[in-house]
N, C-alpha and C. Protein backbone atom coordinates (compact mmCIF):
# COMPACT_ATOMS: atom_id res chain seq x y z
N MET A 1 9.94 -49.54 5.10
CA MET A 1 11.06 -50.22 5.74
C MET A 1 11.03 -50.11 7.25
N PRO A 2 10.86 -48.89 7.84
CA PRO A 2 10.83 -48.81 9.29
C PRO A 2 9.77 -49.71 9.89
N GLY A 3 8.57 -49.80 9.25
CA GLY A 3 7.51 -50.64 9.78
C GLY A 3 7.93 -52.09 9.81
N THR A 4 8.62 -52.54 8.75
CA THR A 4 9.08 -53.93 8.70
C THR A 4 10.10 -54.19 9.79
N ILE A 5 11.02 -53.26 9.95
CA ILE A 5 12.07 -53.41 10.96
C ILE A 5 11.47 -53.49 12.35
N TYR A 6 10.50 -52.61 12.64
CA TYR A 6 9.92 -52.59 13.98
C TYR A 6 9.02 -53.80 14.21
N ALA A 7 8.42 -54.34 13.15
CA ALA A 7 7.62 -55.55 13.30
C ALA A 7 8.50 -56.72 13.72
N ARG A 8 9.73 -56.77 13.16
CA ARG A 8 10.64 -57.85 13.50
C ARG A 8 11.00 -57.80 14.98
N THR A 9 11.05 -56.60 15.55
CA THR A 9 11.46 -56.46 16.94
C THR A 9 10.48 -57.13 17.87
N SER A 10 9.16 -57.00 17.61
CA SER A 10 8.17 -57.63 18.46
C SER A 10 8.36 -59.14 18.47
N ALA A 11 8.61 -59.70 17.29
CA ALA A 11 8.85 -61.14 17.22
C ALA A 11 10.10 -61.51 17.98
N ALA A 12 11.15 -60.69 17.86
CA ALA A 12 12.41 -60.98 18.55
C ALA A 12 12.24 -60.95 20.06
N LEU A 13 11.47 -59.99 20.55
CA LEU A 13 11.22 -59.89 21.98
C LEU A 13 10.49 -61.13 22.48
N PHE A 14 9.52 -61.60 21.70
CA PHE A 14 8.76 -62.78 22.11
C PHE A 14 9.67 -64.01 22.14
N ILE A 15 10.46 -64.19 21.08
CA ILE A 15 11.37 -65.34 21.02
C ILE A 15 12.37 -65.29 22.17
N GLY A 16 12.92 -64.10 22.44
CA GLY A 16 13.88 -63.95 23.53
C GLY A 16 13.26 -64.30 24.87
N ALA A 17 12.02 -63.85 25.08
CA ALA A 17 11.34 -64.13 26.34
C ALA A 17 11.11 -65.63 26.50
N MET A 18 10.72 -66.31 25.42
CA MET A 18 10.48 -67.74 25.49
C MET A 18 11.78 -68.49 25.78
N ALA A 19 12.87 -68.05 25.17
CA ALA A 19 14.16 -68.71 25.41
C ALA A 19 14.59 -68.57 26.86
N LEU A 20 14.39 -67.39 27.42
CA LEU A 20 14.75 -67.17 28.82
C LEU A 20 13.88 -68.02 29.74
N ALA A 21 12.59 -68.11 29.41
CA ALA A 21 11.68 -68.92 30.23
C ALA A 21 12.12 -70.38 30.22
N ALA A 22 12.54 -70.86 29.06
CA ALA A 22 12.99 -72.25 28.96
C ALA A 22 14.22 -72.49 29.82
N CYS A 23 15.17 -71.54 29.80
CA CYS A 23 16.37 -71.65 30.62
C CYS A 23 16.00 -71.67 32.09
N GLU A 24 15.05 -70.81 32.46
CA GLU A 24 14.65 -70.70 33.86
C GLU A 24 14.01 -72.01 34.32
N ASP A 25 13.16 -72.61 33.47
CA ASP A 25 12.49 -73.86 33.83
C ASP A 25 13.49 -74.98 34.02
N ARG A 26 14.51 -75.05 33.14
CA ARG A 26 15.50 -76.12 33.25
C ARG A 26 16.29 -76.02 34.53
N GLY A 27 16.52 -74.77 35.01
CA GLY A 27 17.36 -74.60 36.19
C GLY A 27 16.56 -74.36 37.44
N ALA A 28 15.23 -74.50 37.39
CA ALA A 28 14.40 -74.19 38.55
C ALA A 28 14.81 -75.03 39.75
N GLY A 29 15.01 -74.32 40.88
CA GLY A 29 15.33 -74.99 42.12
C GLY A 29 16.79 -75.37 42.26
N SER A 30 17.59 -75.19 41.23
CA SER A 30 18.98 -75.60 41.29
C SER A 30 19.90 -74.47 41.70
N GLY A 31 19.43 -73.23 41.58
CA GLY A 31 20.27 -72.08 41.88
C GLY A 31 21.23 -71.76 40.75
N ASP A 32 21.16 -72.49 39.64
CA ASP A 32 22.06 -72.30 38.51
C ASP A 32 21.22 -71.97 37.29
N THR A 33 21.58 -70.90 36.59
CA THR A 33 20.79 -70.50 35.43
C THR A 33 21.05 -71.38 34.23
N GLY A 34 22.14 -72.14 34.23
CA GLY A 34 22.46 -72.97 33.09
C GLY A 34 23.08 -72.19 31.95
N ILE A 35 23.40 -70.90 32.18
CA ILE A 35 24.01 -70.08 31.14
C ILE A 35 25.47 -69.88 31.48
N ALA A 36 26.37 -70.33 30.62
CA ALA A 36 27.80 -70.19 30.88
C ALA A 36 28.32 -68.90 30.27
N LEU A 37 29.34 -68.33 30.87
CA LEU A 37 29.95 -67.10 30.34
C LEU A 37 31.42 -67.31 30.14
N GLU A 38 31.91 -67.03 28.96
CA GLU A 38 33.33 -66.96 28.72
C GLU A 38 33.63 -65.50 28.43
N ALA A 39 34.46 -64.86 29.26
CA ALA A 39 34.76 -63.44 29.08
C ALA A 39 35.48 -63.25 27.76
N ARG A 40 35.04 -62.24 27.00
CA ARG A 40 35.66 -61.91 25.73
C ARG A 40 36.06 -60.46 25.73
N SER A 41 36.92 -60.07 24.80
CA SER A 41 37.32 -58.68 24.72
C SER A 41 36.13 -57.82 24.41
N ALA A 42 35.97 -56.75 25.17
CA ALA A 42 34.86 -55.84 24.94
C ALA A 42 35.20 -54.90 23.81
N SER A 43 34.19 -54.51 23.03
CA SER A 43 34.40 -53.52 21.99
C SER A 43 34.57 -52.16 22.64
N PRO A 44 35.22 -51.19 21.96
CA PRO A 44 35.40 -49.88 22.55
C PRO A 44 34.07 -49.28 22.98
N GLY A 45 34.03 -48.87 24.23
CA GLY A 45 32.83 -48.22 24.74
C GLY A 45 31.77 -49.18 25.22
N SER A 46 32.03 -50.49 25.12
CA SER A 46 31.02 -51.43 25.56
C SER A 46 31.10 -51.62 27.06
N PRO A 47 29.96 -51.99 27.70
CA PRO A 47 29.94 -52.07 29.15
C PRO A 47 30.34 -53.42 29.70
N GLY A 48 30.70 -54.36 28.84
CA GLY A 48 30.89 -55.73 29.27
C GLY A 48 32.25 -55.98 29.88
N PRO A 49 32.48 -57.24 30.27
CA PRO A 49 33.72 -57.61 30.92
C PRO A 49 34.89 -57.58 29.97
N ALA A 50 36.07 -57.25 30.48
CA ALA A 50 37.28 -57.24 29.67
C ALA A 50 37.79 -58.66 29.52
N ALA A 51 38.76 -58.85 28.59
CA ALA A 51 39.30 -60.17 28.36
C ALA A 51 40.00 -60.68 29.61
N GLY A 52 40.01 -61.99 29.79
CA GLY A 52 40.65 -62.57 30.96
C GLY A 52 39.73 -63.61 31.58
N PRO A 53 40.11 -64.14 32.73
CA PRO A 53 39.27 -65.15 33.37
C PRO A 53 37.93 -64.58 33.78
N ALA A 54 36.90 -65.44 33.81
CA ALA A 54 35.57 -65.00 34.20
C ALA A 54 35.62 -64.45 35.62
N VAL A 55 34.92 -63.34 35.85
CA VAL A 55 34.93 -62.69 37.14
C VAL A 55 33.57 -62.90 37.80
N VAL A 56 33.58 -63.26 39.08
CA VAL A 56 32.34 -63.37 39.83
C VAL A 56 32.00 -61.97 40.32
N LEU A 57 30.85 -61.47 39.90
CA LEU A 57 30.45 -60.10 40.21
C LEU A 57 29.53 -60.07 41.42
N SER A 58 29.72 -59.06 42.27
CA SER A 58 28.79 -58.83 43.37
C SER A 58 27.55 -58.14 42.82
N ASP A 59 26.48 -58.11 43.58
CA ASP A 59 25.27 -57.41 43.15
C ASP A 59 25.57 -55.93 42.94
N ALA A 60 26.45 -55.36 43.76
CA ALA A 60 26.82 -53.95 43.60
C ALA A 60 27.55 -53.74 42.27
N ASN A 61 28.40 -54.70 41.88
CA ASN A 61 29.11 -54.63 40.60
C ASN A 61 28.14 -54.72 39.43
N ILE A 62 27.21 -55.66 39.53
CA ILE A 62 26.23 -55.87 38.46
C ILE A 62 25.38 -54.62 38.26
N LEU A 63 24.89 -54.06 39.35
CA LEU A 63 24.06 -52.87 39.25
C LEU A 63 24.84 -51.68 38.72
N TYR A 64 26.13 -51.61 39.05
CA TYR A 64 26.98 -50.55 38.49
C TYR A 64 27.06 -50.67 36.98
N ARG A 65 27.34 -51.87 36.49
CA ARG A 65 27.49 -52.06 35.05
C ARG A 65 26.17 -51.86 34.31
N ILE A 66 25.08 -52.32 34.89
CA ILE A 66 23.77 -52.13 34.27
C ILE A 66 23.44 -50.64 34.18
N ASP A 67 23.69 -49.91 35.26
CA ASP A 67 23.40 -48.48 35.26
C ASP A 67 24.26 -47.75 34.23
N ALA A 68 25.55 -48.09 34.19
CA ALA A 68 26.45 -47.45 33.23
C ALA A 68 26.02 -47.72 31.80
N ALA A 69 25.63 -48.97 31.52
CA ALA A 69 25.20 -49.35 30.17
C ALA A 69 23.95 -48.58 29.76
N ASN A 70 22.97 -48.52 30.65
CA ASN A 70 21.73 -47.82 30.33
C ASN A 70 21.95 -46.31 30.16
N ARG A 71 22.76 -45.75 31.04
CA ARG A 71 23.05 -44.31 30.94
C ARG A 71 23.76 -43.99 29.63
N ALA A 72 24.75 -44.81 29.28
CA ALA A 72 25.54 -44.56 28.07
C ALA A 72 24.70 -44.70 26.81
N ASP A 73 23.88 -45.76 26.74
CA ASP A 73 23.14 -45.98 25.50
C ASP A 73 21.99 -45.00 25.36
N SER A 74 21.46 -44.53 26.48
CA SER A 74 20.45 -43.48 26.41
C SER A 74 21.05 -42.20 25.84
N ALA A 75 22.27 -41.87 26.29
CA ALA A 75 22.96 -40.67 25.78
C ALA A 75 23.31 -40.81 24.30
N ALA A 76 23.81 -41.98 23.92
CA ALA A 76 24.15 -42.21 22.51
C ALA A 76 22.90 -42.15 21.63
N GLY A 77 21.80 -42.69 22.13
CA GLY A 77 20.55 -42.65 21.38
C GLY A 77 20.04 -41.24 21.18
N THR A 78 20.16 -40.42 22.23
CA THR A 78 19.75 -39.02 22.12
C THR A 78 20.58 -38.31 21.06
N LEU A 79 21.87 -38.59 21.02
CA LEU A 79 22.75 -38.00 20.01
C LEU A 79 22.34 -38.45 18.61
N ALA A 80 22.07 -39.73 18.44
CA ALA A 80 21.69 -40.26 17.12
C ALA A 80 20.35 -39.71 16.65
N ALA A 81 19.44 -39.47 17.59
CA ALA A 81 18.11 -38.97 17.22
C ALA A 81 18.19 -37.59 16.60
N THR A 82 19.22 -36.83 16.94
CA THR A 82 19.36 -35.47 16.39
C THR A 82 20.43 -35.40 15.29
N LYS A 83 21.44 -36.25 15.37
CA LYS A 83 22.56 -36.17 14.44
C LYS A 83 22.44 -37.13 13.27
N GLY A 84 21.62 -38.16 13.42
CA GLY A 84 21.48 -39.15 12.37
C GLY A 84 20.85 -38.57 11.11
N THR A 85 21.20 -39.15 9.98
CA THR A 85 20.64 -38.73 8.70
C THR A 85 19.52 -39.67 8.25
N SER A 86 19.79 -40.98 8.37
CA SER A 86 18.78 -41.98 8.01
C SER A 86 17.62 -41.93 9.00
N SER A 87 16.39 -42.03 8.47
CA SER A 87 15.22 -42.03 9.36
C SER A 87 15.24 -43.26 10.27
N ASP A 88 15.74 -44.41 9.76
CA ASP A 88 15.85 -45.61 10.58
C ASP A 88 16.80 -45.38 11.75
N VAL A 89 17.92 -44.72 11.49
CA VAL A 89 18.89 -44.45 12.55
C VAL A 89 18.31 -43.49 13.58
N ARG A 90 17.63 -42.45 13.12
CA ARG A 90 17.02 -41.50 14.06
C ARG A 90 15.95 -42.19 14.92
N GLN A 91 15.11 -43.01 14.29
CA GLN A 91 14.08 -43.73 15.05
C GLN A 91 14.71 -44.71 16.04
N PHE A 92 15.76 -45.38 15.60
CA PHE A 92 16.44 -46.32 16.48
C PHE A 92 17.03 -45.56 17.67
N GLY A 93 17.68 -44.42 17.40
CA GLY A 93 18.27 -43.63 18.48
C GLY A 93 17.21 -43.17 19.48
N THR A 94 16.08 -42.71 18.97
CA THR A 94 14.98 -42.29 19.85
C THR A 94 14.52 -43.44 20.72
N ARG A 95 14.41 -44.61 20.11
CA ARG A 95 13.97 -45.78 20.87
C ARG A 95 14.99 -46.17 21.94
N MET A 96 16.28 -46.12 21.59
CA MET A 96 17.32 -46.46 22.57
C MET A 96 17.29 -45.50 23.75
N ALA A 97 17.14 -44.22 23.47
CA ALA A 97 17.09 -43.22 24.54
C ALA A 97 15.91 -43.52 25.47
N ARG A 98 14.76 -43.83 24.88
CA ARG A 98 13.56 -44.09 25.68
C ARG A 98 13.67 -45.41 26.45
N ASP A 99 14.04 -46.49 25.75
CA ASP A 99 14.06 -47.80 26.38
C ASP A 99 15.11 -47.90 27.48
N HIS A 100 16.32 -47.37 27.19
CA HIS A 100 17.38 -47.49 28.18
C HIS A 100 17.16 -46.55 29.37
N HIS A 101 16.48 -45.44 29.14
CA HIS A 101 16.09 -44.59 30.27
C HIS A 101 15.12 -45.36 31.17
N GLY A 102 14.17 -46.05 30.54
CA GLY A 102 13.20 -46.84 31.30
C GLY A 102 13.87 -47.97 32.07
N LEU A 103 14.80 -48.68 31.41
CA LEU A 103 15.52 -49.77 32.08
C LEU A 103 16.36 -49.24 33.23
N ARG A 104 16.95 -48.06 33.02
CA ARG A 104 17.77 -47.47 34.08
C ARG A 104 16.91 -47.09 35.29
N THR A 105 15.74 -46.54 35.03
CA THR A 105 14.84 -46.17 36.11
C THR A 105 14.44 -47.39 36.94
N GLN A 106 14.16 -48.51 36.26
CA GLN A 106 13.80 -49.74 36.97
C GLN A 106 14.97 -50.24 37.82
N ALA A 107 16.18 -50.21 37.26
CA ALA A 107 17.35 -50.68 38.00
C ALA A 107 17.65 -49.78 39.20
N GLN A 108 17.47 -48.47 39.01
CA GLN A 108 17.71 -47.55 40.12
C GLN A 108 16.70 -47.77 41.24
N ALA A 109 15.45 -48.05 40.88
CA ALA A 109 14.43 -48.33 41.90
C ALA A 109 14.80 -49.58 42.69
N LEU A 110 15.30 -50.60 42.00
CA LEU A 110 15.72 -51.83 42.67
C LEU A 110 16.93 -51.56 43.57
N THR A 111 17.87 -50.76 43.08
CA THR A 111 19.05 -50.41 43.86
C THR A 111 18.64 -49.76 45.19
N THR A 112 17.68 -48.85 45.12
CA THR A 112 17.19 -48.18 46.32
C THR A 112 16.49 -49.18 47.25
N ARG A 113 15.67 -50.05 46.66
CA ARG A 113 14.92 -51.01 47.46
C ARG A 113 15.86 -51.99 48.17
N LEU A 114 16.93 -52.40 47.51
CA LEU A 114 17.87 -53.34 48.10
C LEU A 114 18.92 -52.65 48.98
N ALA A 115 18.93 -51.31 48.97
CA ALA A 115 19.91 -50.53 49.75
C ALA A 115 21.34 -50.91 49.37
N ILE A 116 21.58 -51.00 48.07
CA ILE A 116 22.91 -51.33 47.55
C ILE A 116 23.52 -50.09 46.91
N THR A 117 24.79 -49.88 47.16
CA THR A 117 25.52 -48.80 46.48
C THR A 117 26.28 -49.40 45.31
N PRO A 118 25.88 -49.10 44.06
CA PRO A 118 26.59 -49.68 42.91
C PRO A 118 28.07 -49.31 42.94
N SER A 119 28.92 -50.29 42.64
CA SER A 119 30.37 -50.04 42.61
C SER A 119 31.01 -50.93 41.56
N PRO A 120 32.04 -50.42 40.88
CA PRO A 120 32.68 -51.21 39.82
C PRO A 120 33.56 -52.30 40.40
N PRO A 121 33.71 -53.41 39.66
CA PRO A 121 34.68 -54.42 40.09
C PRO A 121 36.09 -53.86 39.99
N ALA A 122 37.03 -54.48 40.66
CA ALA A 122 38.43 -54.03 40.62
C ALA A 122 38.94 -54.02 39.19
N GLY A 123 39.58 -52.92 38.82
CA GLY A 123 40.16 -52.80 37.48
C GLY A 123 39.15 -52.58 36.37
N ASP A 124 37.91 -52.28 36.71
CA ASP A 124 36.87 -52.10 35.70
C ASP A 124 37.15 -50.90 34.81
N ALA A 125 36.97 -51.08 33.49
CA ALA A 125 37.24 -50.00 32.53
C ALA A 125 35.97 -49.53 31.85
N THR A 126 34.82 -49.78 32.47
CA THR A 126 33.54 -49.43 31.85
C THR A 126 33.46 -47.96 31.48
N GLN A 127 33.75 -47.07 32.43
CA GLN A 127 33.59 -45.64 32.16
C GLN A 127 34.56 -45.16 31.09
N ALA A 128 35.78 -45.66 31.12
CA ALA A 128 36.75 -45.27 30.10
C ALA A 128 36.27 -45.69 28.71
N GLY A 129 35.68 -46.87 28.61
CA GLY A 129 35.15 -47.33 27.34
C GLY A 129 33.99 -46.48 26.87
N ILE A 130 33.12 -46.10 27.79
CA ILE A 130 31.99 -45.24 27.44
C ILE A 130 32.49 -43.89 26.94
N ASP A 131 33.48 -43.34 27.62
CA ASP A 131 34.04 -42.04 27.21
C ASP A 131 34.62 -42.12 25.80
N ARG A 132 35.33 -43.22 25.50
CA ARG A 132 35.91 -43.37 24.16
C ARG A 132 34.81 -43.47 23.11
N ALA A 133 33.76 -44.22 23.42
CA ALA A 133 32.67 -44.39 22.45
C ALA A 133 31.97 -43.08 22.17
N MET A 134 31.69 -42.30 23.21
CA MET A 134 31.01 -41.02 23.01
C MET A 134 31.89 -40.05 22.24
N ALA A 135 33.20 -40.08 22.51
CA ALA A 135 34.13 -39.22 21.76
C ALA A 135 34.14 -39.62 20.28
N MET A 136 34.11 -40.93 20.03
CA MET A 136 34.08 -41.42 18.65
C MET A 136 32.81 -40.96 17.94
N LEU A 137 31.67 -41.09 18.60
CA LEU A 137 30.40 -40.71 17.98
C LEU A 137 30.32 -39.20 17.77
N ASN A 138 30.79 -38.44 18.73
CA ASN A 138 30.77 -36.98 18.58
C ASN A 138 31.70 -36.52 17.47
N GLY A 139 32.77 -37.29 17.22
CA GLY A 139 33.73 -36.91 16.18
C GLY A 139 33.45 -37.55 14.84
N ALA A 140 32.35 -38.27 14.71
CA ALA A 140 32.08 -39.04 13.49
C ALA A 140 31.51 -38.21 12.35
N GLY A 141 31.37 -36.92 12.54
CA GLY A 141 30.82 -36.08 11.49
C GLY A 141 29.32 -36.30 11.37
N ARG A 142 28.79 -36.02 10.19
CA ARG A 142 27.36 -36.19 9.96
C ARG A 142 27.12 -37.05 8.73
N GLY A 143 25.86 -37.25 8.41
CA GLY A 143 25.53 -38.01 7.22
C GLY A 143 25.78 -39.49 7.40
N ARG A 144 26.08 -40.15 6.29
CA ARG A 144 26.24 -41.61 6.29
C ARG A 144 27.36 -42.08 7.21
N ASP A 145 28.43 -41.27 7.33
CA ASP A 145 29.55 -41.66 8.20
C ASP A 145 29.08 -41.81 9.65
N PHE A 146 28.30 -40.84 10.11
CA PHE A 146 27.79 -40.93 11.48
C PHE A 146 26.83 -42.11 11.61
N ASP A 147 25.89 -42.23 10.67
CA ASP A 147 24.90 -43.30 10.73
C ASP A 147 25.58 -44.66 10.87
N LYS A 148 26.60 -44.88 10.03
CA LYS A 148 27.29 -46.18 10.05
C LYS A 148 28.08 -46.35 11.34
N ALA A 149 28.77 -45.30 11.78
CA ALA A 149 29.55 -45.40 13.02
C ALA A 149 28.64 -45.71 14.20
N TYR A 150 27.49 -45.05 14.26
CA TYR A 150 26.57 -45.25 15.37
C TYR A 150 25.98 -46.65 15.36
N ILE A 151 25.48 -47.08 14.22
CA ILE A 151 24.79 -48.38 14.20
C ILE A 151 25.78 -49.53 14.35
N ASP A 152 27.00 -49.38 13.81
CA ASP A 152 28.02 -50.41 14.03
C ASP A 152 28.35 -50.51 15.52
N HIS A 153 28.45 -49.35 16.16
CA HIS A 153 28.70 -49.32 17.60
C HIS A 153 27.56 -50.01 18.36
N GLU A 154 26.33 -49.74 17.96
CA GLU A 154 25.17 -50.28 18.67
C GLU A 154 25.10 -51.81 18.55
N VAL A 155 25.47 -52.34 17.41
CA VAL A 155 25.48 -53.79 17.24
C VAL A 155 26.51 -54.41 18.20
N ALA A 156 27.74 -53.88 18.17
CA ALA A 156 28.78 -54.41 19.07
C ALA A 156 28.41 -54.19 20.53
N TYR A 157 27.85 -53.03 20.82
CA TYR A 157 27.51 -52.65 22.19
C TYR A 157 26.47 -53.59 22.78
N HIS A 158 25.41 -53.89 22.02
CA HIS A 158 24.35 -54.73 22.55
C HIS A 158 24.79 -56.19 22.66
N LYS A 159 25.70 -56.63 21.82
CA LYS A 159 26.27 -57.97 21.99
C LYS A 159 27.00 -58.06 23.32
N THR A 160 27.78 -57.04 23.63
CA THR A 160 28.54 -57.04 24.87
C THR A 160 27.63 -56.85 26.07
N LEU A 161 26.58 -56.05 25.91
CA LEU A 161 25.63 -55.86 27.00
C LEU A 161 24.94 -57.18 27.35
N LEU A 162 24.64 -57.99 26.34
CA LEU A 162 24.06 -59.31 26.61
C LEU A 162 25.04 -60.16 27.43
N GLU A 163 26.34 -60.07 27.13
CA GLU A 163 27.34 -60.78 27.91
C GLU A 163 27.32 -60.30 29.36
N THR A 164 27.19 -58.99 29.54
CA THR A 164 27.14 -58.43 30.89
C THR A 164 25.94 -58.97 31.65
N LEU A 165 24.80 -59.07 30.98
CA LEU A 165 23.60 -59.59 31.63
C LEU A 165 23.74 -61.06 31.97
N ILE A 166 24.37 -61.84 31.08
CA ILE A 166 24.61 -63.26 31.36
C ILE A 166 25.53 -63.40 32.57
N ALA A 167 26.60 -62.59 32.59
CA ALA A 167 27.51 -62.62 33.74
C ALA A 167 26.77 -62.25 35.02
N GLY A 168 25.89 -61.26 34.92
CA GLY A 168 25.11 -60.85 36.08
C GLY A 168 24.17 -61.93 36.54
N MET A 169 23.53 -62.63 35.61
CA MET A 169 22.62 -63.71 35.97
C MET A 169 23.36 -64.83 36.68
N ASN A 170 24.57 -65.12 36.23
CA ASN A 170 25.37 -66.17 36.84
C ASN A 170 25.83 -65.81 38.24
N SER A 171 26.06 -64.53 38.48
CA SER A 171 26.68 -64.08 39.73
C SER A 171 25.71 -63.51 40.75
N ALA A 172 24.55 -63.02 40.31
CA ALA A 172 23.64 -62.29 41.20
C ALA A 172 23.20 -63.14 42.38
N GLN A 173 23.16 -62.51 43.54
CA GLN A 173 22.68 -63.17 44.76
C GLN A 173 21.21 -62.86 45.00
N SER A 174 20.79 -61.66 44.64
CA SER A 174 19.41 -61.24 44.88
C SER A 174 18.46 -61.83 43.84
N ALA A 175 17.39 -62.43 44.33
CA ALA A 175 16.37 -62.97 43.41
C ALA A 175 15.72 -61.84 42.62
N GLU A 176 15.56 -60.67 43.23
CA GLU A 176 14.96 -59.53 42.53
C GLU A 176 15.87 -59.05 41.41
N LEU A 177 17.18 -59.08 41.64
CA LEU A 177 18.12 -58.67 40.60
C LEU A 177 18.10 -59.67 39.45
N LYS A 178 18.05 -60.96 39.75
CA LYS A 178 17.94 -61.97 38.70
C LYS A 178 16.67 -61.74 37.87
N ASN A 179 15.59 -61.41 38.54
CA ASN A 179 14.32 -61.16 37.85
C ASN A 179 14.43 -59.93 36.95
N LEU A 180 15.10 -58.89 37.43
CA LEU A 180 15.30 -57.69 36.61
C LEU A 180 16.09 -58.03 35.34
N ILE A 181 17.13 -58.84 35.49
CA ILE A 181 17.95 -59.23 34.35
C ILE A 181 17.13 -60.06 33.36
N GLN A 182 16.32 -60.98 33.88
CA GLN A 182 15.49 -61.81 33.01
C GLN A 182 14.53 -60.97 32.19
N LYS A 183 14.03 -59.89 32.78
CA LYS A 183 13.12 -59.01 32.04
C LYS A 183 13.87 -58.13 31.04
N ALA A 184 15.09 -57.73 31.40
CA ALA A 184 15.86 -56.83 30.54
C ALA A 184 16.46 -57.55 29.34
N ALA A 185 16.87 -58.80 29.51
CA ALA A 185 17.60 -59.51 28.45
C ALA A 185 16.84 -59.59 27.13
N PRO A 186 15.53 -59.93 27.12
CA PRO A 186 14.82 -59.97 25.84
C PRO A 186 14.71 -58.59 25.19
N VAL A 187 14.64 -57.54 25.99
CA VAL A 187 14.59 -56.19 25.44
C VAL A 187 15.91 -55.88 24.74
N VAL A 188 17.02 -56.22 25.40
CA VAL A 188 18.35 -55.99 24.81
C VAL A 188 18.53 -56.83 23.55
N GLN A 189 18.06 -58.08 23.58
CA GLN A 189 18.13 -58.92 22.37
C GLN A 189 17.33 -58.30 21.24
N GLY A 190 16.17 -57.76 21.56
CA GLY A 190 15.36 -57.08 20.55
C GLY A 190 16.08 -55.87 19.97
N HIS A 191 16.77 -55.13 20.83
CA HIS A 191 17.56 -53.98 20.35
C HIS A 191 18.66 -54.45 19.40
N LEU A 192 19.33 -55.55 19.77
CA LEU A 192 20.39 -56.08 18.92
C LEU A 192 19.85 -56.50 17.56
N ASP A 193 18.72 -57.22 17.54
CA ASP A 193 18.13 -57.65 16.27
C ASP A 193 17.75 -56.44 15.41
N LEU A 194 17.20 -55.42 16.05
CA LEU A 194 16.80 -54.22 15.32
C LEU A 194 18.02 -53.48 14.79
N ALA A 195 19.06 -53.37 15.62
CA ALA A 195 20.30 -52.71 15.18
C ALA A 195 20.90 -53.42 13.97
N GLN A 196 20.88 -54.75 13.99
CA GLN A 196 21.42 -55.50 12.87
C GLN A 196 20.59 -55.30 11.60
N SER A 197 19.27 -55.14 11.75
CA SER A 197 18.42 -54.87 10.60
C SER A 197 18.73 -53.50 10.00
N VAL A 198 18.89 -52.50 10.88
CA VAL A 198 19.23 -51.16 10.40
C VAL A 198 20.61 -51.18 9.74
N GLN A 199 21.54 -51.90 10.35
CA GLN A 199 22.90 -52.01 9.82
C GLN A 199 22.87 -52.59 8.40
N SER A 200 22.05 -53.62 8.19
CA SER A 200 21.94 -54.24 6.86
C SER A 200 21.34 -53.25 5.85
N ALA A 201 20.37 -52.46 6.30
CA ALA A 201 19.73 -51.49 5.40
C ALA A 201 20.68 -50.38 4.98
N LEU A 202 21.71 -50.11 5.79
CA LEU A 202 22.65 -49.03 5.49
C LEU A 202 23.74 -49.47 4.52
N ARG A 203 23.87 -50.77 4.29
CA ARG A 203 24.95 -51.26 3.42
C ARG A 203 24.68 -50.96 1.96
């Protein structure tokens, strides 16, 4: 089963990359990515925008949310790698810790290169949501209850993270930041597809 699940991820990454390339080609030279965002209610602990009108984010806001998302999911993955019971959940957690650490390192390098200080948008509840999610996971006990709580969280979390990346793509001023998001989005989509596969296996 783990081999099948991980094989699907490679295909998902390829499909996601092709979809992003198509969007980029359609909007080339226009300054518009062609991706619309409607803000939706974020799930508890998710890094995405709260309900309400769409917010135009500064590059500092985008980098703040990206960093928070990567930091949070790396920590949650580390917890799942040790606390999970299912081998699929433990492997998924290990992968999240590794992948999101890598994505965070790339974003931090860009932040330094652009000389930007990440800052949250006004009224942002990202950190409060992360704190609630970690408290929920730490209090979820062990065994199947933890496995289900973690993977359900990861499915909702990665859906919202994709919204955050779309919002960032629409708002980003820096071409380098747009490029970072374009590279990260297929990875996040692959994580979502994998999380949904693990979620189905746990039912």
